[in-house]
C-alpha cells in the first residue's frame, strides 16, 4: 500500500479529473467538499472538459493551475503525486478509453498510470441511460471494478434531460474515505 503523502508533513493530495459533461460546470462542489474534508486538490481536465471550467476560479480555489495538456520536458511538475483520484464527472468516452488502456490525453494517461501505482481511484460517471446500456460501457465498468476502481452507484440520467438531477459529487469522497482516514 502506498504511504499517504499527508504522513510526510502535508495534507493528502486529491487529483480531480473533470470530463466534458454538462454537470462539470458544478465541479466546484467537489473541490470545496474535498478541501473541507482535509484534502489539497489539483484539477486535471480532459481537453473538452476544460471548456466547462472557469480555470481562473479553480486556480484561485485550489492554489494550483488546471492541467489539461502534457508538460514539456524539463518543466516542473505542477502537482505533487496523488494520494487518491476522483474522476467526476466521467463521460462514456473517458470510461471506455480508460478501461481499454488508451492514454491519448493527459487525464487518461494519469488514470492509466494510477493503476500501476496503486493510487486509490473513484469514478462518478455522467452517462445517459441509453449509453449506459452499451455493451462496451458495461464491460468497461466491470473492468474498472476489477482493477479496484470504486464506481459510483448513481443511476444514469435520462437522455435529453439536461442532467437536472442532483449529481452525487460528495460520493467521490465517500468512496475514497478509507484511504483518507489512514
Protein backbone atom coordinates (compact mmCIF):
# COMPACT_ATOMS: atom_id res chain seq x y z
CA UNK A 1 0.00 0.00 0.00
CA UNK A 2 1.23 3.47 -0.82
CA UNK A 3 2.19 5.74 2.05
CA UNK A 4 -0.18 8.74 2.04
CA UNK A 5 1.68 11.98 1.42
CA UNK A 6 -0.18 13.50 4.36
CA UNK A 7 2.03 11.39 6.61
CA UNK A 8 5.05 13.22 5.18
CA UNK A 9 4.05 16.58 6.62
CA UNK A 10 1.42 17.85 4.19
CA UNK A 11 -2.25 17.34 3.55
CA UNK A 12 -3.15 14.40 1.31
CA UNK A 13 -3.44 15.39 -2.36
CA UNK A 14 -6.52 14.57 -4.45
CA UNK A 15 -6.49 14.78 -8.23
CA UNK A 16 -9.95 15.56 -9.60
CA UNK A 17 -10.31 14.58 -13.26
CA UNK A 18 -13.11 16.55 -14.93
CA UNK A 19 -14.64 15.44 -18.25
CA UNK A 20 -16.95 17.24 -20.69
CA UNK A 21 -20.36 16.52 -19.20
CA UNK A 22 -22.96 19.18 -18.50
CA UNK A 23 -22.66 18.78 -14.74
CA UNK A 24 -18.94 19.66 -14.90
CA UNK A 25 -19.90 23.32 -14.54
CA UNK A 26 -20.69 22.48 -10.88
CA UNK A 27 -17.44 20.61 -10.14
CA UNK A 28 -16.55 23.30 -7.60
CA UNK A 29 -18.92 21.47 -5.23
CA UNK A 30 -16.45 18.58 -5.16
CA UNK A 31 -13.38 20.82 -4.85
CA UNK A 32 -14.89 22.62 -1.86
CA UNK A 33 -16.07 19.40 -0.17
CA UNK A 34 -12.64 17.81 -0.62
CA UNK A 35 -10.87 20.82 0.84
CA UNK A 36 -13.32 20.89 3.77
CA UNK A 37 -12.50 17.19 4.33
CA UNK A 38 -8.78 17.94 4.57
CA UNK A 39 -7.55 17.33 1.03
CA UNK A 40 -5.44 19.59 -1.14
CA UNK A 41 -6.87 19.46 -4.66
CA UNK A 42 -5.41 19.58 -8.16
CA UNK A 43 -7.70 19.57 -11.18
CA UNK A 44 -6.97 17.74 -14.42
CA UNK A 45 -9.46 18.34 -17.21
CA UNK A 46 -9.87 16.42 -20.43
CA UNK A 47 -9.31 18.71 -23.42
CA UNK A 48 -13.07 19.04 -23.94
CA UNK A 49 -13.76 19.19 -20.20
CA UNK A 50 -11.55 22.26 -19.91
CA UNK A 51 -14.29 24.29 -21.61
CA UNK A 52 -16.68 23.53 -18.74
CA UNK A 53 -14.43 25.05 -16.07
CA UNK A 54 -13.52 28.58 -15.09
CA UNK A 55 -9.79 27.88 -14.89
CA UNK A 56 -9.02 31.14 -13.04
CA UNK A 57 -11.66 30.39 -10.39
CA UNK A 58 -10.40 26.81 -9.97
CA UNK A 59 -6.82 28.04 -9.60
CA UNK A 60 -7.93 30.63 -7.04
CA UNK A 61 -9.80 27.98 -5.03
CA UNK A 62 -7.14 25.25 -5.20
CA UNK A 63 -3.90 27.23 -5.48
CA UNK A 64 -2.89 25.10 -8.47
CA UNK A 65 -3.30 25.57 -12.23
CA UNK A 66 -5.82 23.42 -14.07
CA UNK A 67 -3.91 20.83 -16.06
CA UNK A 68 -5.12 19.59 -19.41
CA UNK A 69 -2.04 19.07 -21.56
CA UNK A 70 1.25 17.25 -21.18
CA UNK A 71 4.05 19.35 -19.74
CA UNK A 72 7.23 19.97 -21.72
CA UNK A 73 10.39 18.04 -20.90
CA UNK A 74 12.19 19.70 -18.01
CA UNK A 75 9.10 21.68 -16.99
CA UNK A 76 8.42 21.31 -13.25
CA UNK A 77 5.55 19.13 -12.10
CA UNK A 78 2.72 21.44 -11.05
CA UNK A 79 1.16 18.94 -8.61
CA UNK A 80 2.54 16.55 -6.02
CA UNK A 81 1.87 12.86 -6.63
CA UNK A 82 -1.75 11.95 -5.91
CA UNK A 83 -2.84 10.15 -2.77
CA UNK A 84 -6.17 9.47 -4.49
CA UNK A 85 -8.03 10.38 -7.67
CA UNK A 86 -11.69 11.22 -8.25
CA UNK A 87 -12.97 11.19 -11.83
CA UNK A 88 -16.08 13.35 -11.75
CA UNK A 89 -17.93 13.70 -13.96
CA UNK A 90 -16.69 10.82 -16.12
CA UNK A 91 -18.04 10.54 -19.65
CA UNK A 92 -18.84 7.45 -21.69
CA UNK A 93 -15.76 8.13 -23.82
CA UNK A 94 -13.39 8.50 -20.87
CA UNK A 95 -14.69 5.40 -19.08
CA UNK A 96 -14.29 3.26 -22.20
CA UNK A 97 -10.84 4.59 -23.14
CA UNK A 98 -9.56 4.29 -19.58
CA UNK A 99 -10.72 0.68 -19.26
CA UNK A 100 -9.10 -0.13 -22.62
CA UNK A 101 -5.78 1.40 -21.52
CA UNK A 102 -5.88 4.23 -24.04
CA UNK A 103 -3.80 7.15 -22.77
CA UNK A 104 -4.22 9.73 -25.53
CA UNK A 105 -4.82 12.69 -23.19
CA UNK A 106 -3.11 13.81 -20.00
CA UNK A 107 -6.19 12.84 -17.97
CA UNK A 108 -6.27 9.31 -19.41
CA UNK A 109 -2.50 8.95 -19.06
CA UNK A 110 -2.77 9.81 -15.38
CA UNK A 111 -5.64 7.37 -14.89
CA UNK A 112 -3.89 4.52 -16.69
CA UNK A 113 -0.69 5.13 -14.75
CA UNK A 114 -2.55 5.37 -11.42
CA UNK A 115 -3.49 1.70 -11.67
CA UNK A 116 0.15 0.67 -11.82
CA UNK A 117 0.98 2.99 -8.93
CA UNK A 118 -1.81 1.65 -6.75
CA UNK A 119 -3.45 5.05 -6.37
CA UNK A 120 -7.00 4.70 -4.94
CA UNK A 121 -9.41 5.94 -7.58
CA UNK A 122 -13.15 6.67 -7.59
CA UNK A 123 -15.30 7.37 -10.64
CA UNK A 124 -18.66 9.12 -10.87
CA UNK A 125 -19.96 8.56 -14.41
CA UNK A 126 -22.23 11.14 -16.00
CA UNK A 127 -23.70 8.96 -18.72
CA UNK A 128 -27.23 8.83 -20.02
CA UNK A 129 -29.26 5.64 -19.73
CA UNK A 130 -29.04 4.86 -23.46
CA UNK A 131 -25.23 4.98 -23.45
CA UNK A 132 -25.12 3.09 -20.14
CA UNK A 133 -26.76 0.10 -21.89
CA UNK A 134 -23.99 -0.16 -24.49
CA UNK A 135 -22.05 -3.43 -24.06
CA UNK A 136 -18.68 -1.66 -24.25
CA UNK A 137 -19.63 0.62 -21.36
CA UNK A 138 -20.95 -2.25 -19.23
CA UNK A 139 -17.73 -4.19 -19.87
CA UNK A 140 -15.61 -1.09 -19.18
CA UNK A 141 -17.20 -0.56 -15.78
CA UNK A 142 -16.67 -4.24 -14.96
CA UNK A 143 -13.01 -3.95 -15.96
CA UNK A 144 -12.53 -0.79 -13.88
CA UNK A 145 -14.12 -2.50 -10.87
CA UNK A 146 -11.82 -5.50 -11.38
CA UNK A 147 -8.89 -3.04 -11.36
CA UNK A 148 -10.03 -1.81 -7.96
CA UNK A 149 -11.64 1.43 -9.14
CA UNK A 150 -14.50 2.45 -6.87
CA UNK A 151 -17.52 3.10 -9.10
CA UNK A 152 -20.46 5.28 -8.13
CA UNK A 153 -23.79 3.60 -7.61
CA UNK A 154 -25.68 6.60 -9.09
CA UNK A 155 -28.27 5.85 -11.76
CA UNK A 156 -27.62 7.14 -15.29
CA UNK A 157 -29.72 10.16 -16.23
CA UNK A 158 -32.50 10.19 -18.81
CA UNK A 159 -31.32 11.24 -22.28
CA UNK A 160 -32.03 14.85 -23.19
CA UNK A 161 -32.98 15.58 -19.57
CA UNK A 162 -30.42 18.31 -19.24
CA UNK A 163 -28.96 16.31 -16.35
CA UNK A 164 -31.19 18.19 -13.93
CA UNK A 165 -30.99 15.54 -11.21
CA UNK A 166 -28.52 16.32 -8.45
CA UNK A 167 -25.07 14.93 -9.27
CA UNK A 168 -23.60 12.97 -6.33
CA UNK A 169 -20.33 14.96 -6.02
CA UNK A 170 -19.74 14.01 -2.38
CA UNK A 171 -19.95 10.30 -3.24
CA UNK A 172 -16.41 10.57 -4.64
CA UNK A 173 -15.15 11.42 -1.16
CA UNK A 174 -17.26 8.68 0.42
CA UNK A 175 -15.76 6.13 -1.98
CA UNK A 176 -12.26 7.35 -1.10
CA UNK A 177 -12.91 7.69 2.65
CA UNK A 178 -10.96 4.57 3.69
CA UNK A 179 -7.78 5.99 2.11
CA UNK A 180 -8.25 9.43 3.61
CA UNK A 181 -8.62 8.03 7.13
CA UNK A 182 -5.15 6.42 7.08
